[in-house]
PDB file of N, CA and C in Angstrom:
ATOM      1  N   UNK A   1     -35.609  13.589  20.413  1.00  0.00           N
ATOM      2  CA  UNK A   1     -33.835  13.789  19.322  1.00  0.00           C
ATOM      3  C   UNK A   1     -32.179  13.845  19.964  1.00  0.00           C
ATOM      4  N   UNK A   2     -32.496  14.349  21.254  1.00  0.00           N
ATOM      5  CA  UNK A   2     -31.451  14.441  22.023  1.00  0.00           C
ATOM      6  C   UNK A   2     -30.983  12.767  22.418  1.00  0.00           C
ATOM      7  N   UNK A   3     -31.421  12.149  22.536  1.00  0.00           N
ATOM      8  CA  UNK A   3     -31.540  10.782  21.858  1.00  0.00           C
ATOM      9  C   UNK A   3     -30.600  10.254  20.816  1.00  0.00           C
ATOM     10  N   UNK A   4     -31.218  10.469  20.441  1.00  0.00           N
ATOM     11  CA  UNK A   4     -30.097  10.121  18.698  1.00  0.00           C
ATOM     12  C   UNK A   4     -28.809  10.886  18.805  1.00  0.00           C
ATOM     13  N   UNK A   5     -29.056  11.778  19.081  1.00  0.00           N
ATOM     14  CA  UNK A   5     -27.651  12.491  18.915  1.00  0.00           C
ATOM     15  C   UNK A   5     -26.615  12.188  19.950  1.00  0.00           C
ATOM     16  N   UNK A   6     -26.658  11.813  21.350  1.00  0.00           N
ATOM     17  CA  UNK A   6     -26.337  10.925  22.335  1.00  0.00           C
ATOM     18  C   UNK A   6     -25.663   9.815  21.673  1.00  0.00           C
ATOM     19  N   UNK A   7     -26.963   8.728  20.665  1.00  0.00           N
ATOM     20  CA  UNK A   7     -26.500   7.573  20.845  1.00  0.00           C
ATOM     21  C   UNK A   7     -24.976   7.553  19.214  1.00  0.00           C
ATOM     22  N   UNK A   8     -25.521   8.689  18.311  1.00  0.00           N
ATOM     23  CA  UNK A   8     -24.277   8.950  17.542  1.00  0.00           C
ATOM     24  C   UNK A   8     -23.102   9.384  17.906  1.00  0.00           C
ATOM     25  N   UNK A   9     -22.877  10.261  19.354  1.00  0.00           N
ATOM     26  CA  UNK A   9     -21.792  10.498  20.117  1.00  0.00           C
ATOM     27  C   UNK A   9     -21.249   8.950  20.042  1.00  0.00           C
ATOM     28  N   UNK A  10     -21.741   8.115  20.872  1.00  0.00           N
ATOM     29  CA  UNK A  10     -21.418   7.045  21.337  1.00  0.00           C
ATOM     30  C   UNK A  10     -20.374   5.688  20.640  1.00  0.00           C
ATOM     31  N   UNK A  11     -21.553   5.663  19.322  1.00  0.00           N
ATOM     32  CA  UNK A  11     -20.851   4.995  18.222  1.00  0.00           C
ATOM     33  C   UNK A  11     -19.873   5.382  17.421  1.00  0.00           C
ATOM     34  N   UNK A  12     -19.832   6.945  17.300  1.00  0.00           N
ATOM     35  CA  UNK A  12     -18.515   7.784  16.606  1.00  0.00           C
ATOM     36  C   UNK A  12     -17.473   7.352  17.754  1.00  0.00           C
ATOM     37  N   UNK A  13     -17.317   7.775  18.868  1.00  0.00           N
ATOM     38  CA  UNK A  13     -16.623   7.414  20.334  1.00  0.00           C
ATOM     39  C   UNK A  13     -15.863   5.381  20.044  1.00  0.00           C
ATOM     40  N   UNK A  14     -17.396   4.824  20.147  1.00  0.00           N
ATOM     41  CA  UNK A  14     -16.387   3.481  19.987  1.00  0.00           C
ATOM     42  C   UNK A  14     -15.676   3.273  18.504  1.00  0.00           C
ATOM     43  N   UNK A  15     -16.244   3.496  17.179  1.00  0.00           N
ATOM     44  CA  UNK A  15     -15.542   3.363  16.002  1.00  0.00           C
ATOM     45  C   UNK A  15     -14.107   3.651  16.356  1.00  0.00           C
ATOM     46  N   UNK A  16     -14.293   5.165  16.483  1.00  0.00           N
ATOM     47  CA  UNK A  16     -12.568   5.797  16.795  1.00  0.00           C
ATOM     48  C   UNK A  16     -11.552   5.423  17.658  1.00  0.00           C
ATOM     49  N   UNK A  17     -12.117   4.596  18.671  1.00  0.00           N
ATOM     50  CA  UNK A  17     -11.886   3.670  20.070  1.00  0.00           C
ATOM     51  C   UNK A  17     -11.227   2.566  19.439  1.00  0.00           C
ATOM     52  N   UNK A  18     -11.732   1.844  18.670  1.00  0.00           N
ATOM     53  CA  UNK A  18     -11.483   0.368  18.492  1.00  0.00           C
ATOM     54  C   UNK A  18     -10.970   0.128  16.665  1.00  0.00           C
ATOM     55  N   UNK A  19     -11.008   1.777  15.919  1.00  0.00           N
ATOM     56  CA  UNK A  19      -9.806   1.287  15.328  1.00  0.00           C
ATOM     57  C   UNK A  19      -8.747   1.983  15.119  1.00  0.00           C
ATOM     58  N   UNK A  20      -7.904   1.501  15.360  1.00  0.00           N
ATOM     59  CA  UNK A  20      -6.894   1.803  15.206  1.00  0.00           C
ATOM     60  C   UNK A  20      -5.578   1.775  14.207  1.00  0.00           C
ATOM     61  N   UNK A  21      -5.393   2.670  13.610  1.00  0.00           N
ATOM     62  CA  UNK A  21      -3.969   2.846  12.401  1.00  0.00           C
ATOM     63  C   UNK A  21      -3.278   1.951  12.334  1.00  0.00           C
ATOM     64  N   UNK A  22      -2.820   1.423  11.492  1.00  0.00           N
ATOM     65  CA  UNK A  22      -1.419   0.650  11.675  1.00  0.00           C
ATOM     66  C   UNK A  22      -0.058   1.309  11.696  1.00  0.00           C
ATOM     67  N   UNK A  23       0.661   1.754  12.123  1.00  0.00           N
ATOM     68  CA  UNK A  23       1.764   2.730  12.347  1.00  0.00           C
ATOM     69  C   UNK A  23       2.883   2.229  11.247  1.00  0.00           C
ATOM     70  N   UNK A  24       3.783   2.712  10.522  1.00  0.00           N
ATOM     71  CA  UNK A  24       3.977   2.452   9.436  1.00  0.00           C
ATOM     72  C   UNK A  24       5.804   2.960   9.730  1.00  0.00           C
ATOM     73  N   UNK A  25       6.578   1.439   9.214  1.00  0.00           N
ATOM     74  CA  UNK A  25       7.777   1.912   9.427  1.00  0.00           C
ATOM     75  C   UNK A  25       8.492   2.775   8.621  1.00  0.00           C
ATOM     76  N   UNK A  26      10.054   3.206   8.962  1.00  0.00           N
ATOM     77  CA  UNK A  26      10.572   3.144   7.626  1.00  0.00           C
ATOM     78  C   UNK A  26      11.673   2.206   7.342  1.00  0.00           C
ATOM     79  N   UNK A  27      12.143   2.227   5.952  1.00  0.00           N
ATOM     80  CA  UNK A  27      12.649   0.997   5.382  1.00  0.00           C
ATOM     81  C   UNK A  27      14.334   1.131   5.359  1.00  0.00           C
ATOM     82  N   UNK A  28      14.814   0.620   5.880  1.00  0.00           N
ATOM     83  CA  UNK A  28      16.204   0.871   5.965  1.00  0.00           C
ATOM     84  C   UNK A  28      16.524   0.887   4.161  1.00  0.00           C
ATOM     85  N   UNK A  29      18.043   1.092   4.100  1.00  0.00           N
ATOM     86  CA  UNK A  29      18.473   1.176   2.668  1.00  0.00           C
ATOM     87  C   UNK A  29      18.609  -0.397   2.419  1.00  0.00           C
ATOM     88  N   UNK A  30      18.758  -0.357   0.681  1.00  0.00           N
ATOM     89  CA  UNK A  30      18.818  -1.965   0.648  1.00  0.00           C
ATOM     90  C   UNK A  30      17.550  -2.885   0.639  1.00  0.00           C
ATOM     91  N   UNK A  31      17.122  -2.237   1.732  1.00  0.00           N
ATOM     92  CA  UNK A  31      15.275  -3.020   2.116  1.00  0.00           C
ATOM     93  C   UNK A  31      14.137  -3.157   1.013  1.00  0.00           C
ATOM     94  N   UNK A  32      13.361  -3.899   0.577  1.00  0.00           N
ATOM     95  CA  UNK A  32      12.465  -3.859  -0.471  1.00  0.00           C
ATOM     96  C   UNK A  32      11.519  -3.129  -0.192  1.00  0.00           C
ATOM     97  N   UNK A  33      11.323  -2.452  -1.142  1.00  0.00           N
ATOM     98  CA  UNK A  33       9.165  -1.406  -1.103  1.00  0.00           C
ATOM     99  C   UNK A  33       8.417  -2.744  -0.711  1.00  0.00           C
ATOM    100  N   UNK A  34       7.567  -2.559  -0.041  1.00  0.00           N
ATOM    101  CA  UNK A  34       6.529  -2.871   0.097  1.00  0.00           C
ATOM    102  C   UNK A  34       5.737  -3.290  -1.075  1.00  0.00           C
ATOM    103  N   UNK A  35       4.664  -4.346  -1.356  1.00  0.00           N
ATOM    104  CA  UNK A  35       4.431  -4.429  -2.655  1.00  0.00           C
ATOM    105  C   UNK A  35       2.802  -3.194  -2.820  1.00  0.00           C
ATOM    106  N   UNK A  36       2.777  -1.716  -3.916  1.00  0.00           N
ATOM    107  CA  UNK A  36       1.516  -1.822  -3.501  1.00  0.00           C
ATOM    108  C   UNK A  36       0.554  -1.633  -4.768  1.00  0.00           C
ATOM    109  N   UNK A  37      -0.245  -1.526  -4.879  1.00  0.00           N
ATOM    110  CA  UNK A  37      -1.506  -1.666  -6.176  1.00  0.00           C
ATOM    111  C   UNK A  37      -1.505   0.219  -6.350  1.00  0.00           C
ATOM    112  N   UNK A  38      -1.683   0.937  -7.944  1.00  0.00           N
ATOM    113  CA  UNK A  38      -2.260   1.959  -7.751  1.00  0.00           C
ATOM    114  C   UNK A  38      -2.595   2.112  -9.211  1.00  0.00           C
ATOM    115  N   UNK A  39      -3.654   3.093  -9.657  1.00  0.00           N
ATOM    116  CA  UNK A  39      -4.556   3.115 -10.278  1.00  0.00           C
ATOM    117  C   UNK A  39      -3.100   3.756 -11.421  1.00  0.00           C
ATOM    118  N   UNK A  40      -3.058   2.942 -12.774  1.00  0.00           N
ATOM    119  CA  UNK A  40      -1.979   4.402 -13.894  1.00  0.00           C
ATOM    120  C   UNK A  40      -2.959   5.520 -14.787  1.00  0.00           C
ATOM    121  N   UNK A  41      -2.792   5.957 -15.310  1.00  0.00           N
ATOM    122  CA  UNK A  41      -2.810   7.427 -16.163  1.00  0.00           C
ATOM    123  C   UNK A  41      -3.666   6.439 -17.070  1.00  0.00           C
ATOM    124  N   UNK A  42      -3.961   5.539 -17.602  1.00  0.00           N
ATOM    125  CA  UNK A  42      -4.388   4.659 -18.479  1.00  0.00           C
ATOM    126  C   UNK A  42      -5.997   4.190 -17.969  1.00  0.00           C
ATOM    127  N   UNK A  43      -6.307   4.620 -16.792  1.00  0.00           N
ATOM    128  CA  UNK A  43      -7.246   3.569 -15.906  1.00  0.00           C
ATOM    129  C   UNK A  43      -6.728   2.296 -15.311  1.00  0.00           C
ATOM    130  N   UNK A  44      -5.653   1.558 -16.140  1.00  0.00           N
ATOM    131  CA  UNK A  44      -5.166   0.536 -15.587  1.00  0.00           C
ATOM    132  C   UNK A  44      -4.679   0.322 -14.180  1.00  0.00           C
ATOM    133  N   UNK A  45      -4.811  -0.807 -13.627  1.00  0.00           N
ATOM    134  CA  UNK A  45      -4.487  -1.105 -12.113  1.00  0.00           C
ATOM    135  C   UNK A  45      -2.617  -1.670 -12.226  1.00  0.00           C
ATOM    136  N   UNK A  46      -1.980  -1.229 -11.635  1.00  0.00           N
ATOM    137  CA  UNK A  46      -0.230  -1.187 -11.985  1.00  0.00           C
ATOM    138  C   UNK A  46       0.260  -1.840 -10.162  1.00  0.00           C
ATOM    139  N   UNK A  47       1.280  -2.621 -10.279  1.00  0.00           N
ATOM    140  CA  UNK A  47       1.207  -3.189  -8.973  1.00  0.00           C
ATOM    141  C   UNK A  47       3.076  -2.953  -8.916  1.00  0.00           C
ATOM    142  N   UNK A  48       3.930  -2.686  -7.987  1.00  0.00           N
ATOM    143  CA  UNK A  48       4.911  -3.059  -7.669  1.00  0.00           C
ATOM    144  C   UNK A  48       5.509  -3.861  -7.808  1.00  0.00           C
ATOM    145  N   UNK A  49       4.890  -5.267  -7.772  1.00  0.00           N
ATOM    146  CA  UNK A  49       5.687  -6.506  -8.082  1.00  0.00           C
ATOM    147  C   UNK A  49       5.313  -7.358  -9.580  1.00  0.00           C
ATOM    148  N   UNK A  50       4.603  -6.333 -10.566  1.00  0.00           N
ATOM    149  CA  UNK A  50       4.658  -6.415 -11.993  1.00  0.00           C
ATOM    150  C   UNK A  50       5.701  -6.159 -12.519  1.00  0.00           C
ATOM    151  N   UNK A  51       7.040  -5.727 -11.436  1.00  0.00           N
ATOM    152  CA  UNK A  51       8.133  -5.169 -11.913  1.00  0.00           C
ATOM    153  C   UNK A  51       9.524  -5.611 -11.326  1.00  0.00           C
ATOM    154  N   UNK A  52       9.083  -6.770 -10.738  1.00  0.00           N
ATOM    155  CA  UNK A  52       9.747  -7.944  -9.870  1.00  0.00           C
ATOM    156  C   UNK A  52      10.795  -8.539 -10.911  1.00  0.00           C
ATOM    157  N   UNK A  53      11.680  -8.117 -10.935  1.00  0.00           N
ATOM    158  CA  UNK A  53      12.867  -8.910 -11.714  1.00  0.00           C
ATOM    159  C   UNK A  53      14.078  -8.153 -12.438  1.00  0.00           C
ATOM    160  N   UNK A  54      13.374  -6.819 -12.584  1.00  0.00           N
ATOM    161  CA  UNK A  54      13.844  -5.173 -13.547  1.00  0.00           C
ATOM    162  C   UNK A  54      14.533  -4.851 -13.576  1.00  0.00           C
ATOM    163  N   UNK A  55      15.198  -4.242 -13.363  1.00  0.00           N
ATOM    164  CA  UNK A  55      17.176  -3.905 -12.880  1.00  0.00           C
ATOM    165  C   UNK A  55      16.896  -2.940 -12.715  1.00  0.00           C
ATOM    166  N   UNK A  56      16.230  -1.801 -12.909  1.00  0.00           N
ATOM    167  CA  UNK A  56      15.923  -0.619 -12.152  1.00  0.00           C
ATOM    168  C   UNK A  56      14.090  -0.097 -12.195  1.00  0.00           C
ATOM    169  N   UNK A  57      13.768   0.298 -11.128  1.00  0.00           N
ATOM    170  CA  UNK A  57      12.560   0.568 -11.077  1.00  0.00           C
ATOM    171  C   UNK A  57      12.670   2.403 -10.053  1.00  0.00           C
ATOM    172  N   UNK A  58      11.919   3.479 -10.856  1.00  0.00           N
ATOM    173  CA  UNK A  58      11.594   4.356 -10.614  1.00  0.00           C
ATOM    174  C   UNK A  58      10.436   4.687 -10.328  1.00  0.00           C
ATOM    175  N   UNK A  59      10.120   5.324  -8.884  1.00  0.00           N
ATOM    176  CA  UNK A  59       8.844   5.558  -8.737  1.00  0.00           C
ATOM    177  C   UNK A  59       8.666   7.238  -7.838  1.00  0.00           C
ATOM    178  N   UNK A  60       8.203   7.786  -9.141  1.00  0.00           N
ATOM    179  CA  UNK A  60       7.841   9.321  -9.338  1.00  0.00           C
ATOM    180  C   UNK A  60       6.461   9.963  -8.355  1.00  0.00           C
ATOM    181  N   UNK A  61       6.383  10.230  -6.710  1.00  0.00           N
ATOM    182  CA  UNK A  61       5.285  10.459  -6.503  1.00  0.00           C
ATOM    183  C   UNK A  61       5.003  12.168  -6.786  1.00  0.00           C
ATOM    184  N   UNK A  62       3.918  12.646  -7.034  1.00  0.00           N
ATOM    185  CA  UNK A  62       3.913  13.788  -7.182  1.00  0.00           C
ATOM    186  C   UNK A  62       2.503  14.608  -6.780  1.00  0.00           C
ATOM    187  N   UNK A  63       2.101  15.873  -6.475  1.00  0.00           N
ATOM    188  CA  UNK A  63       0.391  15.704  -6.156  1.00  0.00           C
ATOM    189  C   UNK A  63      -0.189  16.458  -6.906  1.00  0.00           C
ATOM    190  N   UNK A  64      -1.353  16.641  -6.808  1.00  0.00           N
ATOM    191  CA  UNK A  64      -2.433  16.315  -7.792  1.00  0.00           C
ATOM    192  C   UNK A  64      -2.413  17.760  -8.690  1.00  0.00           C
ATOM    193  N   UNK A  65      -1.625  18.892  -8.331  1.00  0.00           N
ATOM    194  CA  UNK A  65      -1.532  20.381  -8.603  1.00  0.00           C
ATOM    195  C   UNK A  65      -0.202  20.443  -9.324  1.00  0.00           C
ATOM    196  N   UNK A  66       0.295  19.385  -9.414  1.00  0.00           N
ATOM    197  CA  UNK A  66       1.751  19.320  -9.679  1.00  0.00           C
ATOM    198  C   UNK A  66       2.149  20.737  -9.465  1.00  0.00           C
ATOM    199  N   UNK A  67       3.054  21.128  -8.196  1.00  0.00           N
ATOM    200  CA  UNK A  67       3.486  22.260  -7.286  1.00  0.00           C
ATOM    201  C   UNK A  67       4.689  21.294  -7.171  1.00  0.00           C
ATOM    202  N   UNK A  68       5.401  22.208  -7.578  1.00  0.00           N
ATOM    203  CA  UNK A  68       6.931  21.980  -7.589  1.00  0.00           C
ATOM    204  C   UNK A  68       7.104  21.730  -5.575  1.00  0.00           C
ATOM    205  N   UNK A  69       7.636  21.254  -5.043  1.00  0.00           N
ATOM    206  CA  UNK A  69       8.682  20.541  -3.317  1.00  0.00           C
ATOM    207  C   UNK A  69       9.521  21.584  -3.166  1.00  0.00           C
TER     208      UNK A  69
END
C-alpha cells in the first residue's frame, strides 16, 4: 500500500513539474484582442473572430452569481 502512495506522489510531482502554464501578457492600447471561443446563452459557440470587420464589439464578462464588483 505504501508503494502505491509513493508511486502516486511521484507521478503527481512529475506531472506538476512538466506541465508549465503559459504566462499571459497584457495587451497594449490599440492592440487586437486574441481570438477565443465561448459558449453563448443559447448553447452555440461564438468566437471573437465571428465579429471581425464589425465597427464595435463590446465584451462583458461577469461572475456566475451576477454579483456587482
